[in-house]
Amino acid sequence: MIFSRSRCFIGWLMAVLVALNACKNGPGTWKNEEIPSGIAGDFHNMNQTLLAGLKANNAKLFEDIMSRTMLQDVNINRTVELCSIRMQSGQNSLLDEFYVVHQYKRPNVIKANHHGANNYSLNYQPGTKEMYFAFYLLKNGTDKWLLTAYYNKLDYGWKLTELELNPYAIQGKTAPELYEVAKQKYAKGYLMDVVNTLNLSRSCALPSTIWRYAKEPEIDEFYSKVITEAEAAYKFPLIVKQLPTQPKIFRVFNQPMDEGMFPMIYYVSKLNLKDTAALKKENMQLRKVIGQVMPGIDLDKKYLQYTAFDDYPGGAKKSVMHYGLIDTLQ
């Protein structure tokens, strides 16, 4: 009982000290529930004003909390529009928030070591002595976007100074999580699929310009290794010799669809693209052997996209015909 009371007293004392320190504007960093309730309430009120305006696609609804510089930003309406599109599902949640009192106006690093494989740090140049960062996840299907709101305490009060919106998770996975998936595929020898997965990882590796994942150097090193191996293993165009028409695959990449990002395979066909029946028949044959040409490319995905061309785009011909097809795998 004595030990329990002692722990409660120490916890209470620490909370008081944190609050007093924040009130005195002493240097420090407070994250999430560490932020003293009084000032956290003010921040959250500003956030709610901001989110309401963003969802309504109306910047005027949060003009009162915008800095003078931001009020003059000609690009703000486009940013608001993009945020509004991503927020229509209503599945928006606060991921992390940080209140910082800087001792010096020099580059600062904040470590957020509470997300496991997704541990990250914030690397930035302070704009003012006191700053507040709010990171909101906006869910859109299986993808997630990160809304970053920067607030600074200016000589005329706390104001929103900048907004960012960047990809955070693709197919439900963050950059480090996609990296782990890529390593598993690499162990199975699915080299081209590894490249595609790592490209997905890289496309959401910077959810905010000040955001740095702890695994970033490891991911970059693995990516360089895989790219070198893939360039040695695959010489484009790849002639699909298993088919009598021998189509030539010349590009493989990730292409967005309504339900997310899925592989797209570009190939040149010898067939007349106006003969859609023959073209579809060739594509059905290609689907059956694509896993032999590029192992793993047709596994663990809902869709595989194809585009057949009658010649390589950008060639001497003024016009290149193409025809799109989608293979539903699941």
Protein backbone atom coordinates (compact mmCIF):
# COMPACT_ATOMS: atom_id res chain seq x y z
CA MET A 1 0.00 0.00 0.00
CA ILE A 2 2.80 2.42 0.90
CA PHE A 3 4.60 1.56 -2.36
CA SER A 4 1.39 2.11 -4.35
CA ARG A 5 0.79 5.52 -2.76
CA SER A 6 4.39 6.48 -3.36
CA ARG A 7 4.08 5.63 -7.06
CA CYS A 8 0.86 7.63 -7.33
CA PHE A 9 2.51 10.63 -5.65
CA ILE A 10 5.50 10.44 -7.99
CA GLY A 11 3.23 10.21 -11.02
CA TRP A 12 1.21 13.21 -9.81
CA LEU A 13 4.38 15.17 -9.12
CA MET A 14 5.75 14.44 -12.60
CA ALA A 15 2.49 15.61 -14.19
CA VAL A 16 2.62 18.82 -12.18
CA LEU A 17 6.24 19.43 -13.16
CA VAL A 18 5.45 18.86 -16.83
CA ALA A 19 2.55 21.30 -16.64
CA LEU A 20 4.62 23.91 -14.81
CA ASN A 21 7.47 23.55 -17.25
CA ALA A 22 5.12 24.04 -20.19
CA CYS A 23 3.52 27.06 -18.54
CA LYS A 24 6.96 28.62 -18.09
CA ASN A 25 7.72 27.97 -21.75
CA GLY A 26 10.89 26.13 -20.79
CA PRO A 27 12.56 24.18 -23.61
CA GLY A 28 11.11 20.72 -24.16
CA THR A 29 8.96 18.43 -26.26
CA TRP A 30 5.58 17.05 -25.24
CA LYS A 31 3.76 14.47 -27.35
CA ASN A 32 0.19 13.22 -27.31
CA GLU A 33 -1.10 12.79 -23.74
CA GLU A 34 2.01 14.49 -22.33
CA ILE A 35 0.77 17.84 -23.61
CA PRO A 36 -0.78 19.73 -20.62
CA SER A 37 -4.56 19.59 -20.84
CA GLY A 38 -5.09 23.34 -20.93
CA ILE A 39 -2.97 24.07 -23.95
CA ALA A 40 -3.93 20.73 -25.55
CA GLY A 41 -7.55 21.84 -25.42
CA ASP A 42 -6.70 25.03 -27.30
CA PHE A 43 -4.79 23.06 -29.94
CA HIS A 44 -7.65 20.60 -30.37
CA ASN A 45 -10.15 23.42 -30.80
CA MET A 46 -8.02 24.83 -33.62
CA ASN A 47 -7.75 21.36 -35.15
CA GLN A 48 -11.51 20.90 -35.12
CA THR A 49 -11.96 24.27 -36.84
CA LEU A 50 -9.39 23.25 -39.42
CA LEU A 51 -10.88 19.80 -40.07
CA ALA A 52 -14.40 21.20 -40.45
CA GLY A 53 -13.18 23.68 -43.05
CA LEU A 54 -11.17 21.06 -44.91
CA LYS A 55 -14.02 18.57 -45.07
CA ALA A 56 -16.36 21.30 -46.32
CA ASN A 57 -13.73 22.33 -48.91
CA ASN A 58 -13.95 25.88 -47.60
CA ALA A 59 -10.78 27.65 -46.44
CA LYS A 60 -12.81 30.62 -45.24
CA LEU A 61 -14.09 28.51 -42.35
CA PHE A 62 -10.64 28.49 -40.75
CA GLU A 63 -9.27 31.85 -41.83
CA ASP A 64 -9.27 33.03 -38.21
CA ILE A 65 -6.57 30.51 -37.28
CA MET A 66 -4.43 31.05 -40.41
CA SER A 67 -1.23 33.08 -40.37
CA ARG A 68 -1.03 36.24 -42.47
CA THR A 69 1.41 34.51 -44.81
CA MET A 70 -0.91 31.54 -45.25
CA LEU A 71 -3.84 33.84 -45.98
CA GLN A 72 -1.89 35.11 -48.99
CA ASP A 73 -0.96 31.62 -50.26
CA VAL A 74 -2.50 31.21 -53.72
CA ASN A 75 -2.19 27.41 -53.50
CA ILE A 76 -4.19 26.97 -50.29
CA ASN A 77 -7.51 26.33 -52.04
CA ARG A 78 -6.03 23.45 -54.05
CA THR A 79 -4.60 21.89 -50.88
CA VAL A 80 -7.98 22.27 -49.16
CA GLU A 81 -9.72 20.64 -52.13
CA LEU A 82 -7.40 17.62 -52.06
CA CYS A 83 -7.88 17.24 -48.31
CA SER A 84 -11.65 17.45 -48.72
CA ILE A 85 -11.62 14.65 -51.29
CA ARG A 86 -9.65 12.40 -48.94
CA MET A 87 -11.89 13.20 -45.96
CA GLN A 88 -15.26 12.28 -47.40
CA SER A 89 -15.18 8.78 -45.91
CA GLY A 90 -15.20 10.35 -42.45
CA GLN A 91 -12.56 7.91 -41.16
CA ASN A 92 -10.10 10.53 -39.97
CA SER A 93 -8.05 10.15 -36.79
CA LEU A 94 -5.25 11.91 -34.94
CA LEU A 95 -2.09 9.83 -35.21
CA ASP A 96 0.35 12.00 -33.24
CA GLU A 97 0.72 15.54 -31.96
CA PHE A 98 3.74 17.41 -30.61
CA TYR A 99 4.10 20.65 -28.67
CA VAL A 100 7.67 21.97 -28.75
CA VAL A 101 9.42 24.84 -26.99
CA HIS A 102 12.78 25.43 -28.66
CA GLN A 103 15.83 26.70 -26.85
CA TYR A 104 17.62 27.64 -30.07
CA LYS A 105 16.56 28.34 -33.65
CA ARG A 106 18.69 25.58 -35.07
CA PRO A 107 17.75 22.28 -36.77
CA ASN A 108 15.78 20.11 -34.39
CA VAL A 109 15.02 16.37 -34.26
CA ILE A 110 12.07 14.81 -32.45
CA LYS A 111 11.95 11.02 -32.11
CA ALA A 112 8.55 9.30 -31.97
CA ASN A 113 9.62 5.89 -30.72
CA HIS A 114 6.23 4.32 -30.10
CA HIS A 115 5.20 2.85 -33.46
CA GLY A 116 7.33 -0.30 -33.67
CA ALA A 117 8.45 -0.88 -37.28
CA ASN A 118 6.96 2.51 -38.12
CA ASN A 119 9.16 4.48 -35.72
CA TYR A 120 10.03 7.86 -37.14
CA SER A 121 11.60 11.20 -36.33
CA LEU A 122 10.78 14.77 -37.26
CA ASN A 123 13.69 16.72 -38.72
CA TYR A 124 13.00 20.42 -39.17
CA GLN A 125 14.17 24.01 -38.79
CA PRO A 126 12.12 25.81 -36.09
CA GLY A 127 10.17 28.81 -37.31
CA THR A 128 9.38 30.20 -33.87
CA LYS A 129 10.18 29.44 -30.24
CA GLU A 130 6.93 27.52 -29.76
CA MET A 131 5.46 25.14 -32.34
CA TYR A 132 2.73 22.53 -32.49
CA PHE A 133 2.48 19.69 -35.01
CA ALA A 134 -0.68 17.66 -35.62
CA PHE A 135 -0.66 14.54 -37.82
CA TYR A 136 -4.04 13.24 -38.96
CA LEU A 137 -4.68 10.00 -40.85
CA LEU A 138 -7.26 10.29 -43.60
CA LYS A 139 -8.46 6.88 -44.72
CA ASN A 140 -9.63 6.37 -48.28
CA GLY A 141 -10.38 2.70 -49.00
CA THR A 142 -7.27 0.64 -48.24
CA ASP A 143 -5.05 3.69 -48.62
CA LYS A 144 -4.28 6.30 -45.98
CA TRP A 145 -3.08 9.87 -46.34
CA LEU A 146 -1.27 11.94 -43.74
CA LEU A 147 -2.44 15.47 -43.09
CA THR A 148 0.26 17.54 -41.40
CA ALA A 149 -0.77 20.81 -39.75
CA TYR A 150 1.99 23.16 -38.59
CA TYR A 151 1.18 25.79 -35.98
CA ASN A 152 3.52 28.52 -34.75
CA LYS A 153 3.12 30.95 -31.85
CA LEU A 154 3.57 34.28 -33.61
CA ASP A 155 3.55 37.77 -32.12
CA TYR A 156 -0.21 37.88 -32.80
CA GLY A 157 -1.00 34.44 -31.33
CA TRP A 158 -1.07 30.77 -32.28
CA LYS A 159 -1.64 30.42 -36.01
CA LEU A 160 -1.71 27.69 -38.65
CA THR A 161 1.30 28.30 -40.88
CA GLU A 162 1.39 25.31 -43.24
CA LEU A 163 -0.57 22.27 -44.43
CA GLU A 164 0.68 19.11 -46.13
CA LEU A 165 -1.07 16.07 -47.53
CA ASN A 166 0.95 13.03 -48.60
CA PRO A 167 0.46 9.24 -48.94
CA TYR A 168 0.92 7.37 -45.67
CA ALA A 169 -0.20 3.79 -46.42
CA ILE A 170 -0.84 1.94 -49.68
CA GLN A 171 -2.97 -1.20 -49.70
CA GLY A 172 -3.18 -0.77 -45.93
CA LYS A 173 0.59 -0.82 -45.39
CA THR A 174 3.12 1.90 -44.59
CA ALA A 175 6.54 2.21 -46.22
CA PRO A 176 8.34 0.09 -43.55
CA GLU A 177 5.55 -2.52 -43.64
CA LEU A 178 5.75 -2.77 -47.44
CA TYR A 179 9.51 -3.15 -47.05
CA GLU A 180 8.94 -6.18 -44.80
CA VAL A 181 6.60 -7.66 -47.44
CA ALA A 182 9.27 -7.05 -50.10
CA LYS A 183 11.86 -8.94 -48.05
CA GLN A 184 9.53 -11.94 -47.81
CA LYS A 185 9.00 -11.90 -51.59
CA TYR A 186 12.74 -11.57 -52.15
CA ALA A 187 13.32 -14.74 -50.12
CA LYS A 188 10.96 -16.55 -52.53
CA GLY A 189 12.78 -15.25 -55.61
CA TYR A 190 9.96 -12.97 -56.81
CA LEU A 191 12.40 -10.31 -58.01
CA MET A 192 10.17 -8.19 -60.28
CA ASP A 193 7.39 -8.28 -57.70
CA VAL A 194 9.92 -7.13 -55.08
CA VAL A 195 10.77 -4.13 -57.26
CA ASN A 196 7.09 -3.22 -57.56
CA THR A 197 6.53 -3.60 -53.82
CA LEU A 198 9.57 -1.46 -53.00
CA ASN A 199 8.33 1.19 -55.42
CA LEU A 200 5.07 1.24 -53.51
CA SER A 201 7.08 1.62 -50.31
CA ARG A 202 9.02 4.54 -51.74
CA SER A 203 5.83 6.27 -52.89
CA CYS A 204 4.64 6.57 -49.26
CA ALA A 205 8.06 6.87 -47.59
CA LEU A 206 7.69 10.61 -47.01
CA PRO A 207 4.23 11.20 -45.51
CA SER A 208 5.46 14.63 -44.41
CA THR A 209 8.46 16.62 -45.61
CA ILE A 210 9.91 16.60 -42.09
CA TRP A 211 9.18 12.89 -41.50
CA ARG A 212 12.01 10.34 -41.52
CA TYR A 213 11.41 6.64 -40.86
CA ALA A 214 14.05 4.94 -38.72
CA LYS A 215 14.27 2.17 -41.33
CA GLU A 216 14.82 4.59 -44.22
CA PRO A 217 18.58 3.87 -44.64
CA GLU A 218 17.91 0.12 -44.50
CA ILE A 219 15.12 0.37 -47.07
CA ASP A 220 17.28 2.48 -49.41
CA GLU A 221 20.15 0.00 -49.21
CA PHE A 222 17.86 -2.94 -49.96
CA TYR A 223 16.26 -1.06 -52.86
CA SER A 224 19.65 -0.39 -54.48
CA LYS A 225 20.56 -4.07 -54.12
CA VAL A 226 17.29 -5.28 -55.65
CA ILE A 227 17.38 -2.83 -58.56
CA THR A 228 20.88 -3.96 -59.48
CA GLU A 229 19.81 -7.61 -59.42
CA ALA A 230 16.61 -6.92 -61.39
CA GLU A 231 18.47 -5.03 -64.11
CA ALA A 232 20.80 -7.99 -64.49
CA ALA A 233 17.98 -10.57 -64.50
CA TYR A 234 15.47 -8.82 -66.76
CA LYS A 235 16.45 -7.33 -70.11
CA PHE A 236 13.56 -5.43 -71.62
CA PRO A 237 11.78 -6.02 -73.84
CA LEU A 238 10.95 -9.47 -72.47
CA ILE A 239 9.80 -11.73 -75.30
CA VAL A 240 7.09 -14.09 -74.09
CA LYS A 241 8.25 -17.16 -75.99
CA GLN A 242 5.58 -19.39 -74.45
CA LEU A 243 2.99 -17.75 -76.75
CA PRO A 244 2.90 -18.26 -80.54
CA THR A 245 2.45 -14.50 -81.07
CA GLN A 246 5.44 -13.75 -78.79
CA PRO A 247 4.30 -10.41 -77.31
CA LYS A 248 7.08 -8.19 -75.96
CA ILE A 249 6.80 -6.83 -72.41
CA PHE A 250 8.63 -3.51 -72.21
CA ARG A 251 7.50 -1.95 -68.95
CA VAL A 252 6.11 -3.04 -65.54
CA PHE A 253 5.00 -0.50 -62.94
CA ASN A 254 2.31 0.35 -60.39
CA GLN A 255 -0.83 1.98 -61.77
CA PRO A 256 -3.61 3.46 -59.57
CA MET A 257 -7.14 2.10 -59.80
CA ASP A 258 -10.26 3.00 -57.84
CA GLU A 259 -9.42 0.27 -55.32
CA GLY A 260 -5.71 1.07 -54.97
CA MET A 261 -2.38 0.58 -56.73
CA PHE A 262 -1.85 -2.57 -58.80
CA PRO A 263 0.81 -3.74 -61.30
CA MET A 264 0.50 -2.62 -64.89
CA ILE A 265 2.19 -4.55 -67.69
CA TYR A 266 2.89 -2.81 -70.98
CA TYR A 267 3.53 -5.04 -73.99
CA VAL A 268 3.71 -4.81 -77.77
CA SER A 269 1.48 -7.22 -79.68
CA LYS A 270 1.90 -8.30 -83.30
CA LEU A 271 -1.88 -8.55 -83.61
CA ASN A 272 -4.16 -5.95 -85.11
CA LEU A 273 -5.45 -4.13 -82.05
CA LYS A 274 -8.77 -3.53 -83.81
CA ASP A 275 -9.32 -7.30 -83.68
CA THR A 276 -10.32 -7.25 -80.03
CA ALA A 277 -11.40 -10.88 -80.01
CA ALA A 278 -7.92 -12.06 -81.07
CA LEU A 279 -6.30 -9.57 -78.69
CA LYS A 280 -8.32 -10.83 -75.72
CA LYS A 281 -7.48 -14.42 -76.62
CA GLU A 282 -3.76 -13.57 -76.66
CA ASN A 283 -4.11 -11.76 -73.34
CA MET A 284 -5.84 -14.77 -71.75
CA GLN A 285 -2.87 -16.90 -72.84
CA LEU A 286 -0.47 -14.28 -71.45
CA ARG A 287 -2.23 -14.35 -68.08
CA LYS A 288 -1.61 -18.10 -67.81
CA VAL A 289 2.16 -17.77 -68.24
CA ILE A 290 2.88 -14.37 -66.70
CA GLY A 291 3.87 -16.05 -63.43
CA GLN A 292 6.55 -17.97 -65.32
CA VAL A 293 7.87 -14.85 -67.03
CA MET A 294 7.93 -12.82 -63.80
CA PRO A 295 7.44 -15.09 -60.76
CA GLY A 296 5.17 -13.70 -58.07
CA ILE A 297 3.74 -10.87 -60.17
CA ASP A 298 0.29 -12.50 -60.23
CA LEU A 299 0.17 -13.51 -56.56
CA ASP A 300 -1.44 -11.81 -53.53
CA LYS A 301 -3.15 -9.13 -55.61
CA LYS A 302 -6.72 -8.36 -56.51
CA TYR A 303 -5.94 -7.10 -60.00
CA LEU A 304 -3.26 -7.28 -62.66
CA GLN A 305 -3.50 -4.65 -65.38
CA TYR A 306 -2.33 -4.98 -68.98
CA THR A 307 -2.03 -2.54 -71.87
CA ALA A 308 -1.32 -3.89 -75.34
CA PHE A 309 0.36 -1.56 -77.88
CA ASP A 310 0.85 -1.95 -81.61
CA ASP A 311 4.28 -0.30 -81.29
CA TYR A 312 6.51 1.20 -78.63
CA PRO A 313 5.22 4.59 -77.43
CA GLY A 314 7.43 7.50 -78.38
CA GLY A 315 8.67 5.82 -81.54
CA ALA A 316 8.69 7.16 -85.09
CA LYS A 317 4.97 6.60 -85.56
CA LYS A 318 2.81 9.65 -84.92
CA SER A 319 0.09 7.58 -83.30
CA VAL A 320 0.40 4.40 -81.25
CA MET A 321 -2.72 2.35 -80.68
CA HIS A 322 -3.23 0.67 -77.32
CA TYR A 323 -5.86 -1.45 -75.62
CA GLY A 324 -6.33 -1.95 -71.87
CA LEU A 325 -7.30 -5.18 -70.14
CA ILE A 326 -7.74 -6.10 -66.47
CA ASP A 327 -7.28 -9.52 -64.91
CA THR A 328 -9.30 -9.96 -61.70
CA LEU A 329 -7.27 -12.35 -59.55
CA GLN A 330 -9.35 -12.40 -56.37
